[in-house]
């Protein structure tokens, strides 16, 4: 009897988590839409502000940062939807999202104002994530090959 109660409690908690993940998917959709609107707003303001259509390096980096933030949000949304469909977390997709996020930081980094230790630490994080992604990809590729053979 006690075992049945524990299973029903665990199943109930699983349902709650499933609905929480669905709520996260809805919220992430809103974040993506707001991000797209923000990118459009930034570009529109650049077009209507004198000198018309010209952007300095700071403006370009701001637009790049906004674009990349939306792309990262889309990657996170994909992580959420994969979890909803398969109820497992795909490590490869999570690592790819992390690589995109750290790459965004590097792309918009002002190297004149950033300490060398931060740059070196970021480089090590990128290398570690790249190696991890390669290892996960090569292991998945090897598994797929062994299934074929």
C-alpha atoms as a PDB file:
ATOM      1  CA  UNK A   1       0.000   0.000   0.000  1.00  0.00           C
ATOM      2  CA  UNK A   2       2.791   2.402   0.921  1.00  0.00           C
ATOM      3  CA  UNK A   3       4.565   1.735  -2.382  1.00  0.00           C
ATOM      4  CA  UNK A   4       1.449   2.717  -4.346  1.00  0.00           C
ATOM      5  CA  UNK A   5       1.187   6.003  -2.441  1.00  0.00           C
ATOM      6  CA  UNK A   6       4.854   6.821  -3.168  1.00  0.00           C
ATOM      7  CA  UNK A   7       4.379   6.093  -6.873  1.00  0.00           C
ATOM      8  CA  UNK A   8       1.268   8.263  -7.077  1.00  0.00           C
ATOM      9  CA  UNK A   9       3.082  11.118  -5.335  1.00  0.00           C
ATOM     10  CA  UNK A  10       6.043  10.806  -7.722  1.00  0.00           C
ATOM     11  CA  UNK A  11       3.688  10.642 -10.726  1.00  0.00           C
ATOM     12  CA  UNK A  12       1.842  13.751  -9.484  1.00  0.00           C
ATOM     13  CA  UNK A  13       5.107  15.632  -9.082  1.00  0.00           C
ATOM     14  CA  UNK A  14       6.128  14.537 -12.582  1.00  0.00           C
ATOM     15  CA  UNK A  15       2.897  16.004 -13.982  1.00  0.00           C
ATOM     16  CA  UNK A  16       3.492  19.260 -12.121  1.00  0.00           C
ATOM     17  CA  UNK A  17       7.016  19.494 -13.530  1.00  0.00           C
ATOM     18  CA  UNK A  18       5.723  18.746 -17.028  1.00  0.00           C
ATOM     19  CA  UNK A  19       3.253  21.656 -16.788  1.00  0.00           C
ATOM     20  CA  UNK A  20       5.972  23.898 -15.356  1.00  0.00           C
ATOM     21  CA  UNK A  21       8.165  23.105 -18.373  1.00  0.00           C
ATOM     22  CA  UNK A  22       5.237  23.936 -20.677  1.00  0.00           C
ATOM     23  CA  UNK A  23       4.877  27.270 -18.885  1.00  0.00           C
ATOM     24  CA  UNK A  24       8.601  27.882 -19.447  1.00  0.00           C
ATOM     25  CA  UNK A  25       8.106  27.200 -23.163  1.00  0.00           C
ATOM     26  CA  UNK A  26       5.321  29.795 -23.317  1.00  0.00           C
ATOM     27  CA  UNK A  27       7.424  32.332 -21.401  1.00  0.00           C
ATOM     28  CA  UNK A  28      10.453  31.677 -23.619  1.00  0.00           C
ATOM     29  CA  UNK A  29       8.263  32.284 -26.681  1.00  0.00           C
ATOM     30  CA  UNK A  30       7.379  35.677 -25.226  1.00  0.00           C
ATOM     31  CA  UNK A  31      11.054  36.427 -24.547  1.00  0.00           C
ATOM     32  CA  UNK A  32      11.907  35.538 -28.165  1.00  0.00           C
ATOM     33  CA  UNK A  33       9.140  37.771 -29.511  1.00  0.00           C
ATOM     34  CA  UNK A  34      10.227  40.657 -27.270  1.00  0.00           C
ATOM     35  CA  UNK A  35      13.812  40.122 -28.408  1.00  0.00           C
ATOM     36  CA  UNK A  36      12.811  40.286 -32.068  1.00  0.00           C
ATOM     37  CA  UNK A  37      10.798  43.430 -31.401  1.00  0.00           C
ATOM     38  CA  UNK A  38      13.810  44.934 -29.598  1.00  0.00           C
ATOM     39  CA  UNK A  39      16.125  44.183 -32.533  1.00  0.00           C
ATOM     40  CA  UNK A  40      13.582  45.785 -34.867  1.00  0.00           C
ATOM     41  CA  UNK A  41      13.291  48.809 -32.579  1.00  0.00           C
ATOM     42  CA  UNK A  42      17.058  49.276 -32.450  1.00  0.00           C
ATOM     43  CA  UNK A  43      17.346  49.074 -36.239  1.00  0.00           C
ATOM     44  CA  UNK A  44      14.360  51.396 -36.732  1.00  0.00           C
ATOM     45  CA  UNK A  45      15.848  54.004 -34.390  1.00  0.00           C
ATOM     46  CA  UNK A  46      19.128  53.834 -36.321  1.00  0.00           C
ATOM     47  CA  UNK A  47      17.280  54.441 -39.589  1.00  0.00           C
ATOM     48  CA  UNK A  48      15.312  57.467 -38.363  1.00  0.00           C
ATOM     49  CA  UNK A  49      18.102  59.090 -36.304  1.00  0.00           C
ATOM     50  CA  UNK A  50      20.516  61.502 -38.030  1.00  0.00           C
ATOM     51  CA  UNK A  51      22.880  60.684 -39.608  1.00  0.00           C
ATOM     52  CA  UNK A  52      20.328  58.434 -41.254  1.00  0.00           C
ATOM     53  CA  UNK A  53      21.214  54.770 -41.660  1.00  0.00           C
ATOM     54  CA  UNK A  54      24.730  55.103 -40.241  1.00  0.00           C
ATOM     55  CA  UNK A  55      25.886  53.144 -37.226  1.00  0.00           C
ATOM     56  CA  UNK A  56      29.076  53.413 -35.245  1.00  0.00           C
ATOM     57  CA  UNK A  57      30.882  50.372 -33.854  1.00  0.00           C
ATOM     58  CA  UNK A  58      29.003  50.533 -30.527  1.00  0.00           C
ATOM     59  CA  UNK A  59      25.656  50.498 -32.362  1.00  0.00           C
ATOM     60  CA  UNK A  60      26.721  47.541 -34.501  1.00  0.00           C
ATOM     61  CA  UNK A  61      27.852  45.608 -31.425  1.00  0.00           C
ATOM     62  CA  UNK A  62      24.538  46.406 -29.728  1.00  0.00           C
ATOM     63  CA  UNK A  63      22.616  45.014 -32.713  1.00  0.00           C
ATOM     64  CA  UNK A  64      24.854  41.921 -32.840  1.00  0.00           C
ATOM     65  CA  UNK A  65      24.347  41.388 -29.124  1.00  0.00           C
ATOM     66  CA  UNK A  66      20.573  41.629 -29.503  1.00  0.00           C
ATOM     67  CA  UNK A  67      20.561  39.225 -32.466  1.00  0.00           C
ATOM     68  CA  UNK A  68      22.692  36.703 -30.615  1.00  0.00           C
ATOM     69  CA  UNK A  69      20.569  36.986 -27.466  1.00  0.00           C
ATOM     70  CA  UNK A  70      17.492  36.076 -29.540  1.00  0.00           C
ATOM     71  CA  UNK A  71      19.345  33.141 -31.102  1.00  0.00           C
ATOM     72  CA  UNK A  72      20.346  31.898 -27.643  1.00  0.00           C
ATOM     73  CA  UNK A  73      16.722  32.212 -26.504  1.00  0.00           C
ATOM     74  CA  UNK A  74      15.692  30.117 -29.517  1.00  0.00           C
ATOM     75  CA  UNK A  75      18.274  27.480 -28.570  1.00  0.00           C
ATOM     76  CA  UNK A  76      16.910  27.410 -25.016  1.00  0.00           C
ATOM     77  CA  UNK A  77      13.381  27.088 -26.403  1.00  0.00           C
ATOM     78  CA  UNK A  78      14.550  24.111 -28.475  1.00  0.00           C
ATOM     79  CA  UNK A  79      16.037  22.551 -25.328  1.00  0.00           C
ATOM     80  CA  UNK A  80      12.679  22.982 -23.606  1.00  0.00           C
ATOM     81  CA  UNK A  81      10.659  21.516 -26.488  1.00  0.00           C
ATOM     82  CA  UNK A  82      13.010  18.533 -26.834  1.00  0.00           C
ATOM     83  CA  UNK A  83      12.578  17.905 -23.120  1.00  0.00           C
ATOM     84  CA  UNK A  84       8.779  18.107 -23.461  1.00  0.00           C
ATOM     85  CA  UNK A  85       8.768  15.624 -26.363  1.00  0.00           C
ATOM     86  CA  UNK A  86      11.348  13.133 -25.131  1.00  0.00           C
ATOM     87  CA  UNK A  87      11.552  13.889 -21.393  1.00  0.00           C
ATOM     88  CA  UNK A  88      15.340  13.763 -21.507  1.00  0.00           C
ATOM     89  CA  UNK A  89      17.920  16.508 -21.671  1.00  0.00           C
ATOM     90  CA  UNK A  90      20.153  16.343 -24.752  1.00  0.00           C
ATOM     91  CA  UNK A  91      23.613  17.220 -23.515  1.00  0.00           C
ATOM     92  CA  UNK A  92      24.854  18.044 -27.017  1.00  0.00           C
ATOM     93  CA  UNK A  93      22.163  20.712 -27.500  1.00  0.00           C
ATOM     94  CA  UNK A  94      22.833  22.193 -24.054  1.00  0.00           C
ATOM     95  CA  UNK A  95      26.580  22.369 -24.779  1.00  0.00           C
ATOM     96  CA  UNK A  96      25.880  23.999 -28.159  1.00  0.00           C
ATOM     97  CA  UNK A  97      23.704  26.591 -26.401  1.00  0.00           C
ATOM     98  CA  UNK A  98      26.473  27.279 -23.884  1.00  0.00           C
ATOM     99  CA  UNK A  99      28.986  27.638 -26.724  1.00  0.00           C
ATOM    100  CA  UNK A 100      26.713  30.145 -28.431  1.00  0.00           C
ATOM    101  CA  UNK A 101      26.258  32.099 -25.190  1.00  0.00           C
ATOM    102  CA  UNK A 102      29.988  32.371 -24.430  1.00  0.00           C
ATOM    103  CA  UNK A 103      30.674  33.180 -28.085  1.00  0.00           C
ATOM    104  CA  UNK A 104      28.164  36.032 -27.840  1.00  0.00           C
ATOM    105  CA  UNK A 105      30.103  37.399 -24.865  1.00  0.00           C
ATOM    106  CA  UNK A 106      33.357  37.274 -26.816  1.00  0.00           C
ATOM    107  CA  UNK A 107      31.880  38.852 -29.951  1.00  0.00           C
ATOM    108  CA  UNK A 108      30.622  41.906 -28.070  1.00  0.00           C
ATOM    109  CA  UNK A 109      33.542  42.086 -25.629  1.00  0.00           C
ATOM    110  CA  UNK A 110      35.413  45.384 -25.442  1.00  0.00           C
ATOM    111  CA  UNK A 111      38.992  44.132 -25.268  1.00  0.00           C
ATOM    112  CA  UNK A 112      40.301  47.586 -24.300  1.00  0.00           C
ATOM    113  CA  UNK A 113      38.225  47.611 -21.119  1.00  0.00           C
ATOM    114  CA  UNK A 114      38.451  43.935 -20.163  1.00  0.00           C
ATOM    115  CA  UNK A 115      41.063  42.406 -17.904  1.00  0.00           C
ATOM    116  CA  UNK A 116      43.354  39.777 -19.367  1.00  0.00           C
ATOM    117  CA  UNK A 117      42.284  37.209 -16.772  1.00  0.00           C
ATOM    118  CA  UNK A 118      38.663  37.464 -17.959  1.00  0.00           C
ATOM    119  CA  UNK A 119      39.750  37.000 -21.566  1.00  0.00           C
ATOM    120  CA  UNK A 120      41.902  33.972 -20.678  1.00  0.00           C
ATOM    121  CA  UNK A 121      39.115  32.463 -18.574  1.00  0.00           C
ATOM    122  CA  UNK A 122      36.662  32.935 -21.440  1.00  0.00           C
ATOM    123  CA  UNK A 123      39.119  31.301 -23.829  1.00  0.00           C
ATOM    124  CA  UNK A 124      39.449  28.295 -21.524  1.00  0.00           C
ATOM    125  CA  UNK A 125      35.668  28.005 -21.233  1.00  0.00           C
ATOM    126  CA  UNK A 126      35.319  28.051 -25.029  1.00  0.00           C
ATOM    127  CA  UNK A 127      38.045  25.425 -25.417  1.00  0.00           C
ATOM    128  CA  UNK A 128      36.502  23.233 -22.711  1.00  0.00           C
ATOM    129  CA  UNK A 129      33.031  23.488 -24.238  1.00  0.00           C
ATOM    130  CA  UNK A 130      34.419  22.868 -27.727  1.00  0.00           C
ATOM    131  CA  UNK A 131      36.274  19.741 -26.606  1.00  0.00           C
ATOM    132  CA  UNK A 132      33.205  18.557 -24.688  1.00  0.00           C
ATOM    133  CA  UNK A 133      30.989  19.117 -27.725  1.00  0.00           C
ATOM    134  CA  UNK A 134      33.474  17.227 -29.907  1.00  0.00           C
ATOM    135  CA  UNK A 135      33.626  14.326 -27.435  1.00  0.00           C
ATOM    136  CA  UNK A 136      29.843  14.099 -27.141  1.00  0.00           C
ATOM    137  CA  UNK A 137      29.460  14.322 -30.932  1.00  0.00           C
ATOM    138  CA  UNK A 138      32.124  11.717 -31.636  1.00  0.00           C
ATOM    139  CA  UNK A 139      30.618   9.334 -29.058  1.00  0.00           C
ATOM    140  CA  UNK A 140      27.154   9.771 -30.603  1.00  0.00           C
ATOM    141  CA  UNK A 141      28.635   9.236 -34.067  1.00  0.00           C
ATOM    142  CA  UNK A 142      30.419   6.070 -32.879  1.00  0.00           C
ATOM    143  CA  UNK A 143      27.162   4.769 -31.340  1.00  0.00           C
ATOM    144  CA  UNK A 144      25.289   5.430 -34.580  1.00  0.00           C
ATOM    145  CA  UNK A 145      27.987   3.590 -36.554  1.00  0.00           C
ATOM    146  CA  UNK A 146      27.830   0.577 -34.241  1.00  0.00           C
ATOM    147  CA  UNK A 147      24.035   0.358 -34.657  1.00  0.00           C
ATOM    148  CA  UNK A 148      24.422   0.284 -38.436  1.00  0.00           C
ATOM    149  CA  UNK A 149      27.069  -2.455 -38.346  1.00  0.00           C
END
